Amino acid sequence: MRPLIVRPQPQADALASQLRQAGHSPVVIPLLEIIAGRGLTNLATQLAPNPWLIAVSAAAVEQAHLWLQSAQRAWPDTPTFAVGQATADAWLQAGRQARFPQDARSEGILALPEMQHITGQNILILRGDGGREWLAEQLQARGAIVNYCECYQRRWLPLDGDHAYTLWRTQGVDSVIISSGELLRHLLSLLPDEARPWWQQLRFIVPSQRVAELVLAAGLPAPIIADGASHSAFCQALGHEE
């Protein structure tokens, strides 16, 4: 297959490399870049009371860990959680073993046994700019003390949608890997109206039921749901080409 990869670097090239090993011919066009978040300057203070740590994306862990390294600080020895396998892998690279649910969503984290009795527990959520408030609201409803650290910002890269549409058709793109709802919305906003029939013929691969529902809500074909947002999960969802 010839899947389109629009996630940021360096993840885009790493995923493309694995897909090539599986016999695919990916087209890599990152739509955004990840830069350090405004909240990182407060991270050391927020870590001082040794809160439980919940990361809702791999990028949040990566940017926070880079900042801590530059500040010559270390993660506290405290319970650590990830929204899914890809984020847990990022924690492992940062030297932390993270608990994560099979259901790679905020709903999955809330279902973990550790999250059932948390009255008075201090919890720090690592995330990007914006994002869902639902997880924090649910944790607070269970009696936890919840704070955020904005670990990264998304910066959309310039892209001419008309030119991209023509190029991707010429290149024979037949599928799209969509790793988040934000990427889906931005990609659809870039493409011209005449691209709609082409979109309807593509195969979409997404990391979760939540993103799958966004694909369907956009009037696109039912996607393949990978087992999370890790490179291996997307590769497994696409399968091997002979």
Protein backbone atom coordinates (compact mmCIF):
# COMPACT_ATOMS: atom_id res chain seq x y z
CA MET A 1 0.00 0.00 0.00
CA ARG A 2 0.96 3.65 -0.33
CA PRO A 3 -0.15 5.28 2.93
CA LEU A 4 0.05 8.99 3.61
CA ILE A 5 1.76 9.88 6.90
CA VAL A 6 0.99 13.36 8.25
CA ARG A 7 2.17 13.06 11.87
CA PRO A 8 5.10 15.26 13.01
CA GLN A 9 8.78 14.42 12.82
CA PRO A 10 10.71 12.44 13.91
CA GLN A 11 7.78 10.06 14.39
CA ALA A 12 6.77 10.34 10.72
CA ASP A 13 10.10 9.07 9.38
CA ALA A 14 10.33 6.35 12.04
CA LEU A 15 6.87 5.06 11.13
CA ALA A 16 7.68 5.26 7.42
CA SER A 17 10.83 3.18 7.96
CA GLN A 18 8.85 0.40 9.65
CA LEU A 19 6.21 0.47 6.93
CA ARG A 20 8.85 0.15 4.22
CA GLN A 21 10.23 -2.92 5.99
CA ALA A 22 6.72 -4.37 5.78
CA GLY A 23 6.64 -3.78 2.02
CA HIS A 24 4.65 -0.55 1.90
CA SER A 25 5.57 2.68 0.09
CA PRO A 26 4.60 5.52 2.42
CA VAL A 27 4.40 9.19 1.49
CA VAL A 28 5.58 11.44 4.33
CA ILE A 29 4.13 14.96 4.59
CA PRO A 30 4.11 16.20 8.22
CA LEU A 31 1.35 18.71 8.82
CA LEU A 32 2.76 20.07 12.06
CA GLU A 33 5.81 20.28 14.25
CA ILE A 34 6.04 19.88 17.99
CA ILE A 35 7.80 22.57 20.02
CA ALA A 36 8.35 23.04 23.76
CA GLY A 37 5.28 24.10 25.70
CA ARG A 38 4.81 27.19 27.81
CA GLY A 39 4.19 25.18 30.96
CA LEU A 40 7.60 23.52 31.13
CA THR A 41 9.14 26.35 33.13
CA ASN A 42 6.78 25.41 35.98
CA LEU A 43 7.35 21.66 35.72
CA ALA A 44 9.97 21.39 38.48
CA THR A 45 7.66 23.18 40.92
CA GLN A 46 4.73 20.96 39.94
CA LEU A 47 6.86 17.83 40.46
CA ALA A 48 8.02 18.89 43.93
CA PRO A 49 5.10 17.29 45.85
CA ASN A 50 5.69 14.00 43.95
CA PRO A 51 2.29 13.82 42.23
CA TRP A 52 1.06 10.85 40.27
CA LEU A 53 1.91 11.46 36.61
CA ILE A 54 -0.49 10.93 33.71
CA ALA A 55 0.72 11.60 30.16
CA VAL A 56 -1.90 11.78 27.45
CA SER A 57 0.56 11.70 24.54
CA ALA A 58 4.09 10.59 23.73
CA ALA A 59 5.00 14.15 22.72
CA ALA A 60 4.17 15.39 26.23
CA VAL A 61 6.60 12.90 27.76
CA GLU A 62 9.33 13.60 25.20
CA GLN A 63 9.23 17.38 25.58
CA ALA A 64 9.02 17.22 29.38
CA HIS A 65 11.93 14.80 29.56
CA LEU A 66 14.07 17.00 27.30
CA TRP A 67 13.35 19.97 29.53
CA LEU A 68 14.19 18.05 32.71
CA GLN A 69 17.46 16.87 31.18
CA SER A 70 18.41 20.42 30.19
CA ALA A 71 17.61 21.57 33.74
CA GLN A 72 19.58 18.62 35.18
CA ARG A 73 16.55 17.34 37.03
CA ALA A 74 15.00 13.88 37.28
CA TRP A 75 11.51 12.44 37.36
CA PRO A 76 10.21 11.67 40.85
CA ASP A 77 9.74 8.06 41.89
CA THR A 78 5.96 8.15 41.77
CA PRO A 79 3.15 6.17 40.08
CA THR A 80 3.25 6.90 36.36
CA PHE A 81 0.52 6.36 33.77
CA ALA A 82 0.16 6.60 29.99
CA VAL A 83 -2.91 6.81 27.80
CA GLY A 84 -1.65 3.99 25.56
CA GLN A 85 1.28 1.91 24.33
CA ALA A 86 2.96 4.69 22.33
CA THR A 87 2.97 7.00 25.35
CA ALA A 88 4.16 4.17 27.60
CA ASP A 89 7.04 3.59 25.16
CA ALA A 90 7.96 7.26 25.47
CA TRP A 91 7.95 6.92 29.27
CA LEU A 92 10.27 3.91 28.96
CA GLN A 93 12.68 6.00 26.89
CA ALA A 94 12.57 8.56 29.71
CA GLY A 95 13.47 5.88 32.24
CA ARG A 96 9.99 5.40 33.69
CA GLN A 97 7.77 2.31 33.69
CA ALA A 98 4.19 3.41 33.08
CA ARG A 99 0.87 1.70 33.62
CA PHE A 100 -1.48 2.00 30.65
CA PRO A 101 -4.90 0.62 29.71
CA GLN A 102 -5.78 -1.58 26.76
CA ASP A 103 -8.43 1.03 25.94
CA ALA A 104 -6.09 3.79 24.76
CA ARG A 105 -8.30 6.69 25.84
CA SER A 106 -8.91 8.82 28.90
CA GLU A 107 -11.80 6.46 29.61
CA GLY A 108 -9.31 3.61 29.76
CA ILE A 109 -7.12 5.38 32.31
CA LEU A 110 -10.14 6.03 34.52
CA ALA A 111 -10.98 2.32 34.47
CA LEU A 112 -7.58 1.31 35.89
CA PRO A 113 -7.76 -0.11 39.44
CA GLU A 114 -5.43 2.61 40.76
CA MET A 115 -7.90 5.31 39.72
CA GLN A 116 -10.86 4.00 41.71
CA HIS A 117 -9.95 5.44 45.15
CA ILE A 118 -8.02 8.69 44.70
CA THR A 119 -9.57 11.13 47.17
CA GLY A 120 -6.92 13.72 48.07
CA GLN A 121 -4.39 12.32 45.59
CA ASN A 122 -2.25 14.93 43.82
CA ILE A 123 -2.19 14.20 40.05
CA LEU A 124 -0.29 16.03 37.31
CA ILE A 125 -1.49 15.61 33.72
CA LEU A 126 1.14 16.13 31.03
CA ARG A 127 -0.38 17.26 27.75
CA GLY A 128 -0.09 19.65 24.82
CA ASP A 129 -1.73 23.01 24.26
CA GLY A 130 -5.49 22.64 24.58
CA GLY A 131 -6.91 19.15 24.70
CA ARG A 132 -9.83 17.51 26.41
CA GLU A 133 -10.76 18.62 29.93
CA TRP A 134 -12.85 15.51 30.55
CA LEU A 135 -10.15 13.41 32.23
CA ALA A 136 -9.30 16.11 34.76
CA GLU A 137 -12.98 16.72 35.47
CA GLN A 138 -13.59 13.03 36.14
CA LEU A 139 -10.52 12.73 38.38
CA GLN A 140 -11.61 15.79 40.34
CA ALA A 141 -15.10 14.32 40.70
CA ARG A 142 -13.42 11.34 42.38
CA GLY A 143 -11.72 13.64 44.86
CA ALA A 144 -8.28 14.05 43.27
CA ILE A 145 -6.30 17.31 43.16
CA VAL A 146 -5.48 17.77 39.48
CA ASN A 147 -3.03 20.11 37.74
CA TYR A 148 -1.88 20.39 34.12
CA CYS A 149 1.50 20.95 32.55
CA GLU A 150 1.41 22.13 28.94
CA CYS A 151 4.51 20.30 27.73
CA TYR A 152 4.31 21.06 24.03
CA GLN A 153 2.67 23.23 21.42
CA ARG A 154 1.52 22.27 17.95
CA ARG A 155 2.74 24.48 15.11
CA TRP A 156 0.98 23.82 11.82
CA LEU A 157 3.28 23.78 8.81
CA PRO A 158 2.33 25.62 5.60
CA LEU A 159 0.79 23.41 2.93
CA ASP A 160 -0.98 24.25 -0.32
CA GLY A 161 -4.00 21.96 -0.21
CA ASP A 162 -4.73 22.10 -3.95
CA HIS A 163 -1.15 21.23 -4.84
CA ALA A 164 -1.00 18.49 -2.18
CA TYR A 165 -4.22 16.91 -3.47
CA THR A 166 -2.88 16.78 -7.03
CA LEU A 167 0.47 15.43 -5.87
CA TRP A 168 -1.00 12.69 -3.67
CA ARG A 169 -3.27 11.50 -6.45
CA THR A 170 -0.32 11.40 -8.84
CA GLN A 171 1.75 9.48 -6.31
CA GLY A 172 -0.98 6.89 -5.92
CA VAL A 173 -1.77 7.46 -2.24
CA ASP A 174 -4.39 4.86 -1.29
CA SER A 175 -4.59 5.20 2.49
CA VAL A 176 -4.06 7.72 5.29
CA ILE A 177 -2.73 7.18 8.80
CA ILE A 178 -4.51 9.59 11.13
CA SER A 179 -3.02 9.59 14.63
CA SER A 180 -5.29 12.25 16.19
CA GLY A 181 -8.51 14.13 15.73
CA GLU A 182 -6.58 17.40 15.38
CA LEU A 183 -4.67 16.04 12.39
CA LEU A 184 -7.87 14.83 10.75
CA ARG A 185 -9.63 18.18 11.13
CA HIS A 186 -6.65 20.15 9.87
CA LEU A 187 -6.09 17.88 6.88
CA LEU A 188 -9.72 18.09 5.82
CA SER A 189 -9.66 21.88 6.16
CA LEU A 190 -6.71 22.09 3.74
CA LEU A 191 -8.08 20.05 0.88
CA PRO A 192 -10.34 21.50 -1.84
CA ASP A 193 -13.98 20.44 -2.22
CA GLU A 194 -13.20 18.50 -5.39
CA ALA A 195 -11.04 16.15 -3.32
CA ARG A 196 -14.11 14.65 -1.64
CA PRO A 197 -14.67 11.79 -4.15
CA TRP A 198 -11.00 10.84 -3.85
CA TRP A 199 -11.19 10.86 -0.05
CA GLN A 200 -14.11 8.45 -0.23
CA GLN A 201 -11.90 5.86 -1.95
CA LEU A 202 -9.10 5.90 0.62
CA ARG A 203 -8.53 3.56 3.53
CA PHE A 204 -8.16 5.33 6.88
CA ILE A 205 -6.15 3.91 9.76
CA VAL A 206 -6.72 5.42 13.22
CA PRO A 207 -5.45 4.65 16.75
CA SER A 208 -8.71 4.57 18.71
CA GLN A 209 -12.48 4.37 18.63
CA ARG A 210 -12.68 8.09 19.42
CA VAL A 211 -10.75 9.06 16.28
CA ALA A 212 -12.72 6.48 14.28
CA GLU A 213 -15.92 8.25 15.29
CA LEU A 214 -14.49 11.56 14.06
CA VAL A 215 -13.67 9.96 10.70
CA LEU A 216 -17.24 8.68 10.39
CA ALA A 217 -18.67 12.04 11.49
CA ALA A 218 -16.74 13.66 8.63
CA GLY A 219 -18.60 11.44 6.18
CA LEU A 220 -15.58 9.29 5.38
CA PRO A 221 -15.41 5.49 5.06
CA ALA A 222 -15.27 3.35 8.20
CA PRO A 223 -11.61 3.27 9.24
CA ILE A 224 -9.35 0.47 10.40
CA ILE A 225 -8.77 0.87 14.15
CA ALA A 226 -5.18 0.07 15.14
CA ASP A 227 -4.29 -1.14 18.61
CA GLY A 228 -3.07 2.29 19.70
CA ALA A 229 -0.84 4.97 18.17
CA SER A 230 2.51 3.16 18.26
CA HIS A 231 4.44 2.50 15.06
CA SER A 232 4.04 -1.24 15.49
CA ALA A 233 0.27 -0.88 15.95
CA PHE A 234 -0.12 1.07 12.70
CA CYS A 235 2.13 -1.40 10.87
CA GLN A 236 0.10 -4.33 12.15
CA ALA A 237 -3.13 -2.64 11.09
CA LEU A 238 -1.84 -2.18 7.53
CA GLY A 239 -0.41 -5.69 7.38
CA HIS A 240 2.45 -6.94 5.19
CA GLU A 241 2.69 -6.41 1.46
CA GLU A 242 4.15 -9.21 -0.62
